[in-house]
Structure formats: C-alpha cells, structure tokens
C-alpha cells in the first residue's frame, strides 16, 4: 500500500465514529481510527504496540470464532462479517459487529484488509428485550387462552346441565324477552301443551299463551332474570 492510499484511508478513518483500520494480508496492523478507544477502552497506541490485544480482550467463548475468521478470510472470500464480544478495562462487555473486506489497487492486486468494528451492544440488548417481551406476551396470551377455554368448558357443562333440566321438566316452560315479551325458547312439554312445534312457538308473544282472563295468573308465574322472563305453566 503506497503513501497516497494510506493518506486517504487515514483521513477517512480519523473522521469516522466506527472503530476502523487497515491490516496487511498477514494480519499485521497498519492503522487504526481514534474511535477504537471510544468503543474498546484501549488507545490506538495500545493496539499498535500489542498485535494480540484484540484477541486478549475478546471473551474466551468467542475467541475460536475470531481465530477461524482470520484463517478463512482470504482473497477468495472478499468480504466477511462476524459478531463477537469484548471486555473493556472498566469491566463492561460490548458486542462488536466486525466487517472485513479485501482491498485491491488499480491493477487488481491485493494490498490488504480494511475492517470496521461497530458497537452493536444497544441493538443486541434491544433485541433481547424485545424477545423477552414477546415471550412474556406469548405466555400471557397462552394463560388467558387456557383460562377462557376452561370457562368455555364450564359454560358448556352448565348449559348441558340446564338444558337437561329444561327439557326433562314435566312442566311447560317458556323463556321470553323481559322487555318485548317475545318467546325465545320453549321446552318439549310446552310443545305438547300447545300442540305446536317449537319453531312456531318461538317468536310468539307470551300473552298468547293464556286466555285474557288468565293473563294475571300468567304474570304471577313469570320469573324475571336480567333480560329474560321465565314463564312456567304447571301441569295439572
């Protein structure tokens, strides 16, 4: 890499907010941006003086990943990207998105590597928080679904129970709308008493069930529950 190339890269790097640098194909560090200290906590001079400093501050669990990256990144793979964690001097762990690209001169000759280390710690934390929030919401939805299914099963059991009582009664029972008096349901004995099918009874007004002179007695036999009137005609 000639002086002109180096000058251009130095100018670009020193105005960047990212930890950027140049390295030879044999991994010798040629230049680093000043932002390396902002992200890693170590100065540019520290990295230049100790070629293994980056490896030392990478968390032990991620070092194999970094070593494989160095071995595999050749001219046949012009650009690679990996993520790893580093430990700063203050004890803080940072997530790094590392992008490494082979650079060529005007003649197409490989002159080294350009790399960019971007601090993605906040992005990773936000992603983890989002994942946890999604898991929490999913658990809440699952719990609520189980609760509603349980209530639905209980309602179905009660409905079957009351339907058995309703249909099994020896008395004629009519259920009507409390406001309009329109019959909404009738049991089997109601059909027998009136000689009408259930379909014809539903929709009638409850006043049609009794002669006018017995309308008062009919009202006395009605039991009101919220929006419904239960009219029970006792068997004689």
Protein backbone atom coordinates (compact mmCIF):
# COMPACT_ATOMS: atom_id res chain seq x y z
CA UNK A 1 0.00 0.00 0.00
CA UNK A 2 1.56 3.29 -1.10
CA UNK A 3 1.62 6.56 0.81
CA UNK A 4 -1.23 8.05 -1.21
CA UNK A 5 -3.56 5.16 -0.36
CA UNK A 6 -2.57 5.30 3.28
CA UNK A 7 -3.21 9.04 3.47
CA UNK A 8 -6.70 8.63 2.02
CA UNK A 9 -7.62 5.86 4.47
CA UNK A 10 -6.20 7.75 7.45
CA UNK A 11 -8.31 10.78 6.55
CA UNK A 12 -11.44 8.64 6.24
CA UNK A 13 -10.81 6.69 9.41
CA UNK A 14 -9.97 9.63 11.69
CA UNK A 15 -13.33 11.25 10.91
CA UNK A 16 -15.30 8.03 11.48
CA UNK A 17 -17.31 7.16 14.57
CA UNK A 18 -16.55 3.49 13.97
CA UNK A 19 -13.51 1.52 15.06
CA UNK A 20 -11.89 1.14 11.64
CA UNK A 21 -8.49 0.04 10.48
CA UNK A 22 -6.16 -1.42 7.90
CA UNK A 23 -4.19 -4.65 8.10
CA UNK A 24 -1.86 -6.49 5.76
CA UNK A 25 -2.79 -9.90 4.36
CA UNK A 26 -0.62 -11.49 7.05
CA UNK A 27 -2.74 -9.65 9.67
CA UNK A 28 -0.17 -7.03 10.59
CA UNK A 29 -2.00 -3.94 11.87
CA UNK A 30 -1.20 -0.91 9.69
CA UNK A 31 -3.58 1.76 11.02
CA UNK A 32 -6.48 2.29 13.41
CA UNK A 33 -9.07 5.03 13.80
CA UNK A 34 -9.21 7.01 17.05
CA UNK A 35 -12.69 5.65 17.70
CA UNK A 36 -11.15 2.33 18.75
CA UNK A 37 -10.59 3.82 22.21
CA UNK A 38 -14.19 5.07 22.49
CA UNK A 39 -15.53 1.59 21.82
CA UNK A 40 -12.92 -0.72 23.36
CA UNK A 41 -11.47 1.49 26.10
CA UNK A 42 -7.95 0.89 24.74
CA UNK A 43 -5.94 3.51 22.86
CA UNK A 44 -4.73 3.24 19.30
CA UNK A 45 -1.14 3.06 20.54
CA UNK A 46 -2.01 0.12 22.79
CA UNK A 47 -3.31 -1.87 19.81
CA UNK A 48 -0.38 -0.90 17.60
CA UNK A 49 2.14 -1.96 20.26
CA UNK A 50 0.42 -5.26 21.08
CA UNK A 51 -0.75 -7.14 17.94
CA UNK A 52 -2.58 -9.68 20.12
CA UNK A 53 -4.51 -7.13 22.21
CA UNK A 54 -7.78 -7.62 20.32
CA UNK A 55 -7.61 -11.39 20.82
CA UNK A 56 -6.89 -10.84 24.52
CA UNK A 57 -9.97 -8.66 25.10
CA UNK A 58 -12.34 -10.89 23.13
CA UNK A 59 -14.36 -13.03 25.54
CA UNK A 60 -12.94 -16.58 25.78
CA UNK A 61 -16.17 -18.05 24.41
CA UNK A 62 -15.81 -16.02 21.19
CA UNK A 63 -12.06 -16.38 20.55
CA UNK A 64 -12.35 -19.50 18.40
CA UNK A 65 -14.77 -17.64 16.16
CA UNK A 66 -12.25 -14.83 15.73
CA UNK A 67 -9.36 -17.21 15.01
CA UNK A 68 -11.39 -19.11 12.40
CA UNK A 69 -12.29 -15.80 10.78
CA UNK A 70 -8.62 -14.85 10.45
CA UNK A 71 -7.75 -18.22 8.93
CA UNK A 72 -10.66 -18.36 6.49
CA UNK A 73 -10.61 -14.78 5.24
CA UNK A 74 -8.55 -15.00 2.04
CA UNK A 75 -8.72 -13.33 -1.37
CA UNK A 76 -11.28 -15.95 -2.44
CA UNK A 77 -13.70 -14.50 0.13
CA UNK A 78 -13.57 -10.73 -0.48
CA UNK A 79 -15.80 -9.79 2.49
CA UNK A 80 -16.81 -11.47 5.73
CA UNK A 81 -18.78 -10.45 8.79
CA UNK A 82 -18.86 -11.86 12.32
CA UNK A 83 -20.08 -10.74 15.74
CA UNK A 84 -18.18 -11.15 18.98
CA UNK A 85 -17.93 -9.67 22.46
CA UNK A 86 -15.08 -7.74 24.04
CA UNK A 87 -14.29 -6.87 27.64
CA UNK A 88 -13.39 -3.24 28.27
CA UNK A 89 -10.96 -2.15 31.02
CA UNK A 90 -13.92 -0.84 33.05
CA UNK A 91 -15.45 -4.34 33.05
CA UNK A 92 -18.19 -3.52 30.56
CA UNK A 93 -18.95 -6.06 27.82
CA UNK A 94 -19.55 -4.72 24.32
CA UNK A 95 -20.98 -6.52 21.30
CA UNK A 96 -18.96 -5.88 18.12
CA UNK A 97 -20.11 -6.29 14.53
CA UNK A 98 -16.90 -6.89 12.58
CA UNK A 99 -16.86 -6.45 8.80
CA UNK A 100 -13.61 -7.27 6.99
CA UNK A 101 -13.02 -6.56 3.31
CA UNK A 102 -10.11 -7.32 0.98
CA UNK A 103 -8.89 -4.17 -0.82
CA UNK A 104 -7.24 -4.03 -4.21
CA UNK A 105 -5.26 -1.37 -6.04
CA UNK A 106 -5.93 -0.05 -9.53
CA UNK A 107 -4.10 -3.02 -11.04
CA UNK A 108 -6.29 -5.51 -9.21
CA UNK A 109 -3.56 -6.51 -6.81
CA UNK A 110 -4.49 -7.32 -3.22
CA UNK A 111 -2.99 -4.70 -0.93
CA UNK A 112 -4.52 -5.66 2.40
CA UNK A 113 -7.65 -5.70 4.50
CA UNK A 114 -9.96 -2.93 5.62
CA UNK A 115 -12.10 -3.65 8.66
CA UNK A 116 -14.88 -1.91 10.54
CA UNK A 117 -15.84 -2.72 14.13
CA UNK A 118 -19.25 -1.35 15.03
CA UNK A 119 -20.58 -1.28 18.59
CA UNK A 120 -23.99 -3.00 18.42
CA UNK A 121 -24.46 -3.53 22.16
CA UNK A 122 -27.65 -1.44 22.35
CA UNK A 123 -29.09 -3.19 19.31
CA UNK A 124 -28.42 -6.61 20.85
CA UNK A 125 -29.90 -5.52 24.19
CA UNK A 126 -32.99 -4.09 22.47
CA UNK A 127 -33.38 -7.33 20.53
CA UNK A 128 -33.09 -9.36 23.75
CA UNK A 129 -35.62 -7.11 25.50
CA UNK A 130 -37.96 -7.42 22.53
CA UNK A 131 -37.58 -11.19 22.56
CA UNK A 132 -38.29 -11.31 26.30
CA UNK A 133 -41.31 -9.02 25.85
CA UNK A 134 -42.63 -11.27 23.06
CA UNK A 135 -42.12 -14.35 25.24
CA UNK A 136 -43.89 -12.67 28.16
CA UNK A 137 -46.79 -11.62 25.92
CA UNK A 138 -46.98 -15.12 24.46
CA UNK A 139 -47.16 -16.62 27.97
CA UNK A 140 -49.87 -14.14 28.93
CA UNK A 141 -51.86 -14.97 25.81
CA UNK A 142 -51.42 -18.71 26.44
CA UNK A 143 -52.51 -18.32 30.07
CA UNK A 144 -55.54 -16.24 29.08
CA UNK A 145 -56.43 -18.72 26.34
CA UNK A 146 -56.31 -21.61 28.79
CA UNK A 147 -58.43 -19.59 31.21
CA UNK A 148 -61.02 -18.80 28.54
CA UNK A 149 -61.07 -22.41 27.36
CA UNK A 150 -61.66 -23.50 30.93
CA UNK A 151 -64.51 -21.02 31.33
CA UNK A 152 -65.96 -22.07 27.99
CA UNK A 153 -65.90 -25.73 29.02
CA UNK A 154 -67.56 -24.82 32.32
CA UNK A 155 -70.26 -22.85 30.49
CA UNK A 156 -70.84 -25.76 28.12
CA UNK A 157 -71.20 -28.14 31.06
CA UNK A 158 -73.66 -25.82 32.76
CA UNK A 159 -75.55 -25.32 29.52
CA UNK A 160 -75.89 -29.09 29.08
CA UNK A 161 -76.99 -29.40 32.70
CA UNK A 162 -79.65 -26.70 32.43
CA UNK A 163 -80.74 -27.98 29.03
CA UNK A 164 -81.33 -31.42 30.60
CA UNK A 165 -83.36 -29.83 33.40
CA UNK A 166 -85.19 -27.61 30.91
CA UNK A 167 -86.10 -30.43 28.55
CA UNK A 168 -86.67 -33.00 31.29
CA UNK A 169 -89.17 -30.88 33.23
CA UNK A 170 -92.73 -32.22 33.44
CA UNK A 171 -93.98 -28.64 33.25
CA UNK A 172 -94.23 -26.47 30.15
CA UNK A 173 -91.51 -23.83 30.28
CA UNK A 174 -91.23 -20.76 28.07
CA UNK A 175 -88.35 -18.26 28.02
CA UNK A 176 -89.29 -14.80 26.78
CA UNK A 177 -87.61 -11.43 26.37
CA UNK A 178 -88.39 -9.43 29.52
CA UNK A 179 -88.95 -6.18 27.59
CA UNK A 180 -90.81 -7.32 24.49
CA UNK A 181 -92.46 -10.46 25.84
CA UNK A 182 -91.42 -12.36 22.70
CA UNK A 183 -90.82 -16.05 23.35
CA UNK A 184 -87.21 -17.07 22.75
CA UNK A 185 -87.28 -20.72 23.76
CA UNK A 186 -89.72 -23.44 24.80
CA UNK A 187 -89.29 -26.98 26.05
CA UNK A 188 -90.78 -30.26 24.85
CA UNK A 189 -93.75 -30.14 27.30
CA UNK A 190 -94.59 -26.64 26.04
CA UNK A 191 -94.89 -28.09 22.53
CA UNK A 192 -97.20 -30.83 23.84
CA UNK A 193 -99.34 -28.39 25.82
CA UNK A 194 -99.92 -26.04 22.89
CA UNK A 195 -99.86 -28.67 20.18
CA UNK A 196 -97.37 -26.56 18.28
CA UNK A 197 -93.81 -27.17 17.22
CA UNK A 198 -91.01 -25.27 18.93
CA UNK A 199 -90.30 -23.31 15.74
CA UNK A 200 -93.85 -21.94 15.73
CA UNK A 201 -93.85 -21.13 19.45
CA UNK A 202 -90.61 -19.14 19.24
CA UNK A 203 -91.49 -15.63 18.15
CA UNK A 204 -94.98 -15.64 19.69
CA UNK A 205 -95.82 -13.13 22.41
CA UNK A 206 -96.17 -14.68 25.85
CA UNK A 207 -99.64 -13.13 26.21
CA UNK A 208 -100.78 -15.57 23.51
CA UNK A 209 -100.13 -18.49 25.84
CA UNK A 210 -103.21 -17.83 28.04
CA UNK A 211 -106.77 -16.60 27.66
CA UNK A 212 -107.19 -12.91 28.60
CA UNK A 213 -108.90 -13.79 31.88
CA UNK A 214 -105.80 -15.74 33.00
CA UNK A 215 -103.22 -13.15 31.93
CA UNK A 216 -102.75 -12.00 35.53
CA UNK A 217 -102.04 -15.52 36.74
CA UNK A 218 -99.57 -15.89 33.89
CA UNK A 219 -97.66 -12.84 35.05
CA UNK A 220 -97.54 -14.21 38.60
CA UNK A 221 -95.90 -17.37 37.32
CA UNK A 222 -93.16 -15.44 35.48
CA UNK A 223 -89.69 -15.33 36.98
CA UNK A 224 -87.54 -12.40 35.74
CA UNK A 225 -83.78 -12.79 35.44
CA UNK A 226 -81.86 -9.91 33.84
CA UNK A 227 -83.17 -9.70 30.22
CA UNK A 228 -85.31 -12.82 30.30
CA UNK A 229 -88.71 -13.86 31.66
CA UNK A 230 -89.20 -17.49 32.60
CA UNK A 231 -92.83 -18.50 32.25
CA UNK A 232 -93.67 -21.83 33.85
CA UNK A 233 -97.03 -23.41 33.21
CA UNK A 234 -97.58 -26.06 35.83
CA UNK A 235 -99.01 -29.39 34.76
CA UNK A 236 -102.49 -30.05 36.10
